[in-house]
C-alpha atoms as a PDB file:
ATOM      1  CA  MET A   1       7.107 118.740  85.160  1.00  0.00           C
ATOM      2  CA  ARG A   2       5.148 119.647  82.735  1.00  0.00           C
ATOM      3  CA  LEU A   3       6.556 121.252  79.228  1.00  0.00           C
ATOM      4  CA  SER A   4       5.103 122.714  76.568  1.00  0.00           C
ATOM      5  CA  LYS A   5       5.463 120.659  73.622  1.00  0.00           C
ATOM      6  CA  ARG A   6       5.069 123.159  70.828  1.00  0.00           C
ATOM      7  CA  PRO A   7       8.070 125.362  71.711  1.00  0.00           C
ATOM      8  CA  LEU A   8      10.102 122.495  72.160  1.00  0.00           C
ATOM      9  CA  GLY A   9       9.566 120.923  69.456  1.00  0.00           C
ATOM     10  CA  TRP A  10      10.228 123.687  67.280  1.00  0.00           C
ATOM     11  CA  LEU A  11      13.131 124.461  69.320  1.00  0.00           C
ATOM     12  CA  LEU A  12      14.319 120.796  68.539  1.00  0.00           C
ATOM     13  CA  ALA A  13      13.226 121.230  64.901  1.00  0.00           C
ATOM     14  CA  ILE A  14      15.602 124.380  64.522  1.00  0.00           C
ATOM     15  CA  TYR A  15      18.379 122.658  66.222  1.00  0.00           C
ATOM     16  CA  TRP A  16      18.677 119.460  64.375  1.00  0.00           C
ATOM     17  CA  THR A  17      18.234 120.951  60.929  1.00  0.00           C
ATOM     18  CA  ALA A  18      20.916 123.899  62.235  1.00  0.00           C
ATOM     19  CA  LEU A  19      22.879 120.151  62.868  1.00  0.00           C
ATOM     20  CA  PHE A  20      22.392 118.577  59.762  1.00  0.00           C
ATOM     21  CA  LEU A  21      23.261 121.725  57.964  1.00  0.00           C
ATOM     22  CA  GLY A  22      26.317 122.598  59.804  1.00  0.00           C
ATOM     23  CA  THR A  23      27.657 118.637  59.278  1.00  0.00           C
ATOM     24  CA  HIS A  24      27.664 119.120  55.871  1.00  0.00           C
ATOM     25  CA  VAL A  25      29.369 122.480  54.947  1.00  0.00           C
ATOM     26  CA  PRO A  26      32.745 121.455  53.767  1.00  0.00           C
ATOM     27  CA  VAL A  27      35.027 122.554  56.147  1.00  0.00           C
ATOM     28  CA  PRO A  28      38.484 124.034  54.800  1.00  0.00           C
ATOM     29  CA  SER A  29      41.162 122.256  55.865  1.00  0.00           C
ATOM     30  CA  GLY A  30      43.665 123.555  59.217  1.00  0.00           C
ATOM     31  CA  VAL A  31      40.456 124.754  60.536  1.00  0.00           C
ATOM     32  CA  LEU A  32      39.628 122.340  63.401  1.00  0.00           C
ATOM     33  CA  LYS A  33      42.689 120.794  65.346  1.00  0.00           C
ATOM     34  CA  GLN A  34      43.106 117.018  64.731  1.00  0.00           C
ATOM     35  CA  GLY A  35      40.639 114.720  66.828  1.00  0.00           C
ATOM     36  CA  SER A  36      38.951 117.856  68.182  1.00  0.00           C
ATOM     37  CA  ASP A  37      35.586 117.677  66.086  1.00  0.00           C
ATOM     38  CA  LYS A  38      35.039 114.753  68.518  1.00  0.00           C
ATOM     39  CA  VAL A  39      33.933 117.110  71.274  1.00  0.00           C
ATOM     40  CA  ILE A  40      32.038 118.876  69.339  1.00  0.00           C
ATOM     41  CA  HIS A  41      30.165 115.717  67.673  1.00  0.00           C
ATOM     42  CA  PHE A  42      29.745 114.542  71.096  1.00  0.00           C
ATOM     43  CA  LEU A  43      28.147 118.110  72.538  1.00  0.00           C
ATOM     44  CA  ALA A  44      26.299 118.351  69.342  1.00  0.00           C
ATOM     45  CA  TYR A  45      24.605 115.362  69.920  1.00  0.00           C
ATOM     46  CA  ALA A  46      24.047 115.439  73.548  1.00  0.00           C
ATOM     47  CA  GLY A  47      22.205 118.451  73.144  1.00  0.00           C
ATOM     48  CA  LEU A  48      19.991 116.754  69.992  1.00  0.00           C
ATOM     49  CA  ALA A  49      19.341 114.003  72.527  1.00  0.00           C
ATOM     50  CA  PHE A  50      18.582 115.892  75.099  1.00  0.00           C
ATOM     51  CA  LEU A  51      16.204 117.848  73.272  1.00  0.00           C
ATOM     52  CA  LEU A  52      14.310 114.903  71.492  1.00  0.00           C
ATOM     53  CA  SER A  53      14.091 112.935  74.775  1.00  0.00           C
ATOM     54  CA  LEU A  54      12.263 115.981  76.550  1.00  0.00           C
ATOM     55  CA  TRP A  55      10.233 116.200  73.973  1.00  0.00           C
ATOM     56  CA  ARG A  56       8.874 112.239  72.628  1.00  0.00           C
ATOM     57  CA  GLY A  57       9.196 112.274  76.929  1.00  0.00           C
ATOM     58  CA  PRO A  58      10.323 109.372  79.059  1.00  0.00           C
ATOM     59  CA  ALA A  59       8.289 106.394  77.788  1.00  0.00           C
ATOM     60  CA  LYS A  60      10.187 106.938  74.301  1.00  0.00           C
ATOM     61  CA  TRP A  61      13.653 107.486  75.339  1.00  0.00           C
ATOM     62  CA  ARG A  62      15.003 104.377  74.191  1.00  0.00           C
ATOM     63  CA  THR A  63      13.412 104.931  70.680  1.00  0.00           C
ATOM     64  CA  SER A  64      15.010 107.993  70.847  1.00  0.00           C
ATOM     65  CA  LEU A  65      18.323 106.833  71.530  1.00  0.00           C
ATOM     66  CA  VAL A  66      18.030 104.041  68.605  1.00  0.00           C
ATOM     67  CA  ILE A  67      16.307 106.830  66.075  1.00  0.00           C
ATOM     68  CA  LEU A  68      19.535 109.186  67.112  1.00  0.00           C
ATOM     69  CA  ALA A  69      22.089 105.980  66.355  1.00  0.00           C
ATOM     70  CA  VAL A  70      20.530 105.528  63.091  1.00  0.00           C
ATOM     71  CA  PHE A  71      20.621 109.377  62.277  1.00  0.00           C
ATOM     72  CA  ALA A  72      24.564 109.517  63.332  1.00  0.00           C
ATOM     73  CA  VAL A  73      25.103 106.840  60.565  1.00  0.00           C
ATOM     74  CA  VAL A  74      22.743 108.592  58.270  1.00  0.00           C
ATOM     75  CA  ASP A  75      24.526 111.848  58.759  1.00  0.00           C
ATOM     76  CA  GLU A  76      27.934 110.366  58.565  1.00  0.00           C
ATOM     77  CA  VAL A  77      27.467 108.581  55.118  1.00  0.00           C
ATOM     78  CA  LEU A  78      25.632 111.691  53.341  1.00  0.00           C
ATOM     79  CA  GLN A  79      28.992 114.038  54.370  1.00  0.00           C
ATOM     80  CA  ILE A  80      31.247 111.640  52.033  1.00  0.00           C
ATOM     81  CA  PRO A  81      29.186 113.583  48.514  1.00  0.00           C
ATOM     82  CA  VAL A  82      30.238 116.802  50.283  1.00  0.00           C
ATOM     83  CA  GLY A  83      34.008 116.135  50.626  1.00  0.00           C
ATOM     84  CA  ARG A  84      33.703 115.443  54.259  1.00  0.00           C
ATOM     85  CA  THR A  85      34.804 112.524  55.860  1.00  0.00           C
ATOM     86  CA  CYS A  86      32.676 109.032  57.386  1.00  0.00           C
ATOM     87  CA  ASP A  87      34.372 108.461  60.384  1.00  0.00           C
ATOM     88  CA  LEU A  88      33.491 105.366  62.591  1.00  0.00           C
ATOM     89  CA  HIS A  89      35.074 107.858  65.732  1.00  0.00           C
ATOM     90  CA  ASP A  90      32.875 110.646  64.960  1.00  0.00           C
ATOM     91  CA  MET A  91      29.650 108.394  65.039  1.00  0.00           C
ATOM     92  CA  ILE A  92      30.724 107.033  68.337  1.00  0.00           C
ATOM     93  CA  ALA A  93      31.291 110.186  69.583  1.00  0.00           C
ATOM     94  CA  ASP A  94      27.155 111.264  68.833  1.00  0.00           C
ATOM     95  CA  TRP A  95      26.079 107.822  70.261  1.00  0.00           C
ATOM     96  CA  LEU A  96      28.058 108.867  73.357  1.00  0.00           C
ATOM     97  CA  GLY A  97      26.771 112.162  73.259  1.00  0.00           C
ATOM     98  CA  SER A  98      23.332 110.853  72.597  1.00  0.00           C
ATOM     99  CA  ALA A  99      23.308 108.260  76.025  1.00  0.00           C
ATOM    100  CA  PHE A 100      24.179 111.407  77.512  1.00  0.00           C
ATOM    101  CA  GLY A 101      21.663 113.774  76.173  1.00  0.00           C
ATOM    102  CA  ALA A 102      19.210 111.423  77.350  1.00  0.00           C
ATOM    103  CA  ALA A 103      20.456 110.696  80.739  1.00  0.00           C
ATOM    104  CA  ALA A 104      20.849 114.797  81.520  1.00  0.00           C
ATOM    105  CA  ALA A 105      16.898 114.663  80.260  1.00  0.00           C
ATOM    106  CA  TRP A 106      15.923 112.079  82.597  1.00  0.00           C
ATOM    107  CA  LEU A 107      17.619 113.786  85.386  1.00  0.00           C
ATOM    108  CA  VAL A 108      15.968 117.127  84.571  1.00  0.00           C
ATOM    109  CA  VAL A 109      12.259 115.626  84.746  1.00  0.00           C
ATOM    110  CA  ARG A 110      13.267 113.349  87.656  1.00  0.00           C
ATOM    111  CA  HIS A 111      14.310 116.023  89.636  1.00  0.00           C
ATOM    112  CA  ALA A 112      11.862 118.600  88.743  1.00  0.00           C
ATOM    113  CA  GLY A 113       8.990 115.895  89.766  1.00  0.00           C
ATOM    114  CA  ARG A 114      10.501 115.802  93.264  1.00  0.00           C
ATOM    115  CA  LYS A 115       9.755 119.399  93.540  1.00  0.00           C
END
């Protein structure tokens, strides 16, 4: 499977920027049900890992996961100054979502290689 890196890179950059901005906007209380944000964290990081893994290529997927694990920590800590909470459970959801997204990218590339 041959993906064009330039459009994929732009999509990744836009997605990553939107994710960062979205996690640093104060959320009014009562907007999200207690614990429902874990699903959002999981899905957001799954999408980010999927795009990053495809863009960097299979040989670099492990380091992509390390990059996202560190980014998840930094992302959570940087939420404190904007009045949001730094939550270990959010980081775990981010890490699990990253693993899922990278695995999904691996499956897509593997399946596309069989054709």
